[in-house]
Amino acid sequence: MTRQIVLDTETTGMDVQAGNRVIEIGCIELLERMPTRRVFHVYLNPDRDSEPGALAVHGLTREFLSDKPRFADIVEDFLAYLGDAELLIHNADFDLGFLDHELKLAGRTLRLAERHVVTDTLKMARQMHPGQRNSLDALCKRYEVDASGRTYHGALLDARLLADVYLAMTAGQGSLELAVAPAGGVSLEVEAGARIVLPKARLTAAEVDRHLARLAQIEKKAGKPALWRHWLGD
């Protein structure tokens, strides 16, 4: 089964060489291109202030982060969650540079790009849309992904948006807003180490109508039937 992890981080600043640190990690799991409800999300104490420009973007103050775990406290849970999945990251060099630095500070010598296949969705977007803006905001507008609730950047929120953008960019066989639990429930991991079991989900008639409308949009863009048609028996 193909497993992919959509990953995003927030940091105290843009330059890892200037001592900036990771302060938030957000990950969304895709199985066979379908989003599950098993996520990884954690805020981290960087033991320093964020640079003014970064703080204006994410709004995560040192006071808010002061009682959060440090990266070394969650590194085992983080690596276990990633497993051997492919990583989908927008501007991957930035996030991987920071995460590799955090791993080094935590006494781990591995580099994520040596352990995982990494797909940089920014590079993918630039190949698909040369000469156009390919920020996550721009891609959300281009692929009609609703980012209206995005006042500040947040790692988990941005990972959710990127997952929908990636699925739309690659023929869009799925949508986070329509993801449901498979029979028997799923495991949800909101904070590192925290798990609950969700009940079985049942779609209402209105949700089915919304889903079919979304499929029609996807198929129009992709120029071919969506895989969902097969699963729905259409």
Protein backbone atom coordinates (compact mmCIF):
# COMPACT_ATOMS: atom_id res chain seq x y z
CA MET A 1 0.00 0.00 0.00
CA THR A 2 1.40 3.38 -1.04
CA ARG A 3 1.83 5.65 1.99
CA GLN A 4 2.68 9.33 1.66
CA ILE A 5 3.12 11.99 4.33
CA VAL A 6 2.36 15.63 3.56
CA LEU A 7 4.68 17.59 5.86
CA ASP A 8 5.06 21.22 6.86
CA THR A 9 6.94 23.12 9.55
CA GLU A 10 6.97 26.55 11.14
CA THR A 11 10.26 28.02 12.36
CA THR A 12 11.58 30.96 14.37
CA GLY A 13 13.16 32.44 11.24
CA MET A 14 14.28 31.74 7.70
CA ASP A 15 17.98 30.96 8.27
CA VAL A 16 18.88 27.75 10.07
CA GLN A 17 22.53 28.85 10.20
CA ALA A 18 21.51 31.84 12.33
CA GLY A 19 20.32 29.53 15.09
CA ASN A 20 16.66 29.40 14.11
CA ARG A 21 14.63 26.39 15.23
CA VAL A 22 11.55 24.38 14.31
CA ILE A 23 8.54 25.35 16.45
CA GLU A 24 5.72 23.39 14.81
CA ILE A 25 5.45 20.20 12.75
CA GLY A 26 2.27 19.17 10.96
CA CYS A 27 1.81 15.99 8.94
CA ILE A 28 -1.12 14.46 7.01
CA GLU A 29 -1.15 10.78 6.01
CA LEU A 30 -2.26 9.64 2.54
CA LEU A 31 -2.89 5.94 1.86
CA GLU A 32 -3.32 5.12 -1.83
CA ARG A 33 -3.85 8.88 -2.36
CA MET A 34 -6.69 8.97 0.15
CA PRO A 35 -6.27 11.20 3.24
CA THR A 36 -6.70 9.34 6.52
CA ARG A 37 -7.44 10.88 9.89
CA ARG A 38 -4.07 9.83 11.30
CA VAL A 39 -2.07 13.03 11.62
CA PHE A 40 1.03 14.13 13.50
CA HIS A 41 1.00 17.59 15.03
CA VAL A 42 3.21 19.09 17.69
CA TYR A 43 4.34 22.53 18.89
CA LEU A 44 7.94 22.76 20.08
CA ASN A 45 9.83 24.93 22.56
CA PRO A 46 12.76 26.53 20.65
CA ASP A 47 14.33 28.17 23.73
CA ARG A 48 14.53 31.45 21.83
CA ASP A 49 12.37 34.22 20.38
CA SER A 50 11.06 34.15 16.85
CA GLU A 51 12.36 36.81 14.49
CA PRO A 52 9.79 39.61 13.96
CA GLY A 53 9.11 38.65 10.35
CA ALA A 54 8.52 35.00 11.21
CA LEU A 55 6.33 35.89 14.19
CA ALA A 56 4.13 38.00 11.92
CA VAL A 57 3.61 34.94 9.72
CA HIS A 58 2.84 32.23 12.30
CA GLY A 59 1.93 34.16 15.45
CA LEU A 60 3.54 31.59 17.78
CA THR A 61 5.07 33.53 20.66
CA ARG A 62 7.85 32.36 22.94
CA GLU A 63 5.40 32.55 25.84
CA PHE A 64 2.96 30.19 24.09
CA LEU A 65 5.76 27.74 23.25
CA SER A 66 7.49 27.85 26.65
CA ASP A 67 5.70 24.80 28.08
CA LYS A 68 5.83 22.73 24.88
CA PRO A 69 8.18 19.75 24.41
CA ARG A 70 11.56 20.12 22.77
CA PHE A 71 12.36 18.33 19.52
CA ALA A 72 14.51 15.74 21.32
CA ASP A 73 11.46 14.81 23.40
CA ILE A 74 9.34 13.88 20.37
CA VAL A 75 11.94 12.72 17.84
CA GLU A 76 11.20 9.00 18.31
CA ASP A 77 7.44 9.51 17.88
CA PHE A 78 8.08 11.68 14.82
CA LEU A 79 10.35 9.18 13.09
CA ALA A 80 8.02 6.30 13.94
CA TYR A 81 5.10 8.18 12.41
CA LEU A 82 7.04 8.88 9.21
CA GLY A 83 8.08 5.24 8.89
CA ASP A 84 9.31 4.70 5.33
CA ALA A 85 6.66 6.87 3.66
CA GLU A 86 7.26 9.21 0.75
CA LEU A 87 7.38 12.83 1.95
CA LEU A 88 5.44 15.54 0.12
CA ILE A 89 6.80 18.99 1.03
CA HIS A 90 6.41 22.44 -0.52
CA ASN A 91 9.91 23.91 -0.88
CA ALA A 92 11.41 20.76 0.58
CA ASP A 93 14.98 22.08 0.95
CA PHE A 94 13.80 24.58 3.57
CA ASP A 95 11.89 22.13 5.78
CA LEU A 96 14.43 19.33 5.40
CA GLY A 97 17.30 21.68 6.25
CA PHE A 98 15.63 22.62 9.52
CA LEU A 99 14.53 19.08 10.38
CA ASP A 100 17.97 17.63 9.65
CA HIS A 101 19.46 20.30 11.90
CA GLU A 102 17.02 19.40 14.68
CA LEU A 103 17.91 15.73 14.25
CA LYS A 104 21.60 16.59 14.55
CA LEU A 105 21.00 18.61 17.72
CA ALA A 106 19.05 15.63 19.11
CA GLY A 107 22.04 13.34 18.49
CA ARG A 108 20.67 11.66 15.35
CA THR A 109 22.97 11.48 12.35
CA LEU A 110 20.37 10.55 9.72
CA ARG A 111 19.22 12.88 6.96
CA LEU A 112 15.58 12.54 5.97
CA ALA A 113 16.28 12.69 2.22
CA GLU A 114 18.53 9.64 2.61
CA ARG A 115 15.79 7.68 4.36
CA HIS A 116 12.74 8.84 2.37
CA VAL A 117 11.69 9.52 -1.18
CA VAL A 118 10.96 13.26 -1.16
CA THR A 119 8.63 15.00 -3.61
CA ASP A 120 8.99 18.79 -3.66
CA THR A 121 5.57 20.14 -4.66
CA LEU A 122 7.07 23.58 -5.35
CA LYS A 123 9.37 22.13 -8.01
CA MET A 124 6.46 20.12 -9.38
CA ALA A 125 4.28 23.24 -9.58
CA ARG A 126 7.04 25.23 -11.31
CA GLN A 127 7.31 22.51 -13.97
CA MET A 128 3.53 22.44 -14.45
CA HIS A 129 3.03 26.23 -14.34
CA PRO A 130 6.26 27.90 -15.54
CA GLY A 131 6.42 31.64 -15.14
CA GLN A 132 3.49 31.74 -12.71
CA ARG A 133 3.30 32.21 -8.94
CA ASN A 134 3.49 28.84 -7.26
CA SER A 135 3.28 29.63 -3.56
CA LEU A 136 0.82 27.54 -1.56
CA ASP A 137 -1.59 30.49 -1.51
CA ALA A 138 -1.37 30.84 -5.29
CA LEU A 139 -1.89 27.12 -5.82
CA CYS A 140 -4.91 27.09 -3.52
CA LYS A 141 -6.48 29.79 -5.70
CA ARG A 142 -5.52 28.02 -8.93
CA TYR A 143 -6.94 24.67 -7.84
CA GLU A 144 -9.92 26.12 -5.95
CA VAL A 145 -8.80 24.83 -2.55
CA ASP A 146 -10.53 26.79 0.21
CA ALA A 147 -7.90 28.61 2.30
CA SER A 148 -10.28 31.25 3.67
CA GLY A 149 -9.65 30.25 7.30
CA ARG A 150 -5.90 30.82 7.04
CA THR A 151 -5.28 33.98 9.11
CA TYR A 152 -1.82 32.80 10.21
CA HIS A 153 0.37 30.14 8.65
CA GLY A 154 0.24 26.92 10.66
CA ALA A 155 2.06 23.67 9.94
CA LEU A 156 -0.97 21.37 10.24
CA LEU A 157 -3.31 23.72 8.38
CA ASP A 158 -0.77 24.22 5.60
CA ALA A 159 -0.20 20.45 5.37
CA ARG A 160 -3.96 19.95 4.95
CA LEU A 161 -4.10 22.60 2.21
CA LEU A 162 -1.03 21.14 0.48
CA ALA A 163 -2.58 17.65 0.54
CA ASP A 164 -5.64 18.93 -1.34
CA VAL A 165 -3.45 20.92 -3.73
CA TYR A 166 -1.22 17.91 -4.41
CA LEU A 167 -4.20 15.66 -5.13
CA ALA A 168 -5.64 18.26 -7.50
CA MET A 169 -2.26 18.77 -9.22
CA THR A 170 -1.88 15.03 -9.78
CA ALA A 171 -5.43 14.42 -11.05
CA GLY A 172 -7.11 14.97 -7.69
CA GLN A 173 -8.21 11.50 -6.66
CA GLY A 174 -9.39 12.57 -3.21
CA SER A 175 -10.27 15.49 -0.97
CA LEU A 176 -9.56 16.08 2.70
CA GLU A 177 -12.95 17.58 3.35
CA LEU A 178 -14.63 14.40 2.12
CA ALA A 179 -12.36 11.86 3.79
CA VAL A 180 -14.21 9.31 5.94
CA ALA A 181 -13.09 6.58 8.28
CA PRO A 182 -12.89 3.06 6.84
CA ALA A 183 -15.03 0.37 8.44
CA GLY A 184 -13.88 -0.31 11.97
CA GLY A 185 -12.67 3.21 12.67
CA VAL A 186 -9.19 4.72 12.38
CA SER A 187 -6.47 5.84 14.74
CA LEU A 188 -6.11 9.60 15.09
CA GLU A 189 -2.81 11.07 16.27
CA VAL A 190 -3.23 14.78 16.96
CA GLU A 191 -0.33 15.31 19.34
CA ALA A 192 2.72 13.07 19.49
CA GLY A 193 1.78 9.98 21.47
CA ALA A 194 -1.92 10.82 21.82
CA ARG A 195 -4.36 8.37 20.19
CA ILE A 196 -8.10 7.95 20.07
CA VAL A 197 -10.33 5.65 18.03
CA LEU A 198 -12.97 7.26 15.88
CA PRO A 199 -16.36 5.66 15.32
CA LYS A 200 -17.49 4.41 11.93
CA ALA A 201 -18.61 7.17 9.59
CA ARG A 202 -21.77 7.21 7.49
CA LEU A 203 -22.30 9.65 4.62
CA THR A 204 -25.56 11.57 4.47
CA ALA A 205 -27.37 12.09 1.18
CA ALA A 206 -26.22 15.73 1.19
CA GLU A 207 -22.59 14.66 1.67
CA VAL A 208 -22.89 12.20 -1.22
CA ASP A 209 -24.26 14.99 -3.44
CA ARG A 210 -21.34 17.26 -2.44
CA HIS A 211 -18.91 14.45 -3.16
CA LEU A 212 -20.36 13.79 -6.62
CA ALA A 213 -20.22 17.51 -7.42
CA ARG A 214 -16.55 17.57 -6.36
CA LEU A 215 -15.87 14.51 -8.53
CA ALA A 216 -17.34 16.28 -11.54
CA GLN A 217 -14.97 19.23 -10.97
CA ILE A 218 -11.98 16.91 -10.61
CA GLU A 219 -12.86 14.93 -13.73
CA LYS A 220 -13.29 18.11 -15.77
CA LYS A 221 -9.77 19.23 -14.82
CA ALA A 222 -8.20 15.77 -15.16
CA GLY A 223 -9.96 14.86 -18.41
CA LYS A 224 -10.67 11.34 -17.20
CA PRO A 225 -12.94 9.51 -14.72
CA ALA A 226 -11.96 9.68 -11.04
CA LEU A 227 -11.01 6.48 -9.22
CA TRP A 228 -13.79 7.25 -6.76
CA ARG A 229 -16.27 6.19 -9.46
CA HIS A 230 -14.96 2.66 -9.23
CA TRP A 231 -15.16 2.61 -5.43
CA LEU A 232 -18.68 4.05 -5.47
CA GLY A 233 -19.78 1.48 -8.02
CA ASP A 234 -20.68 4.12 -10.67
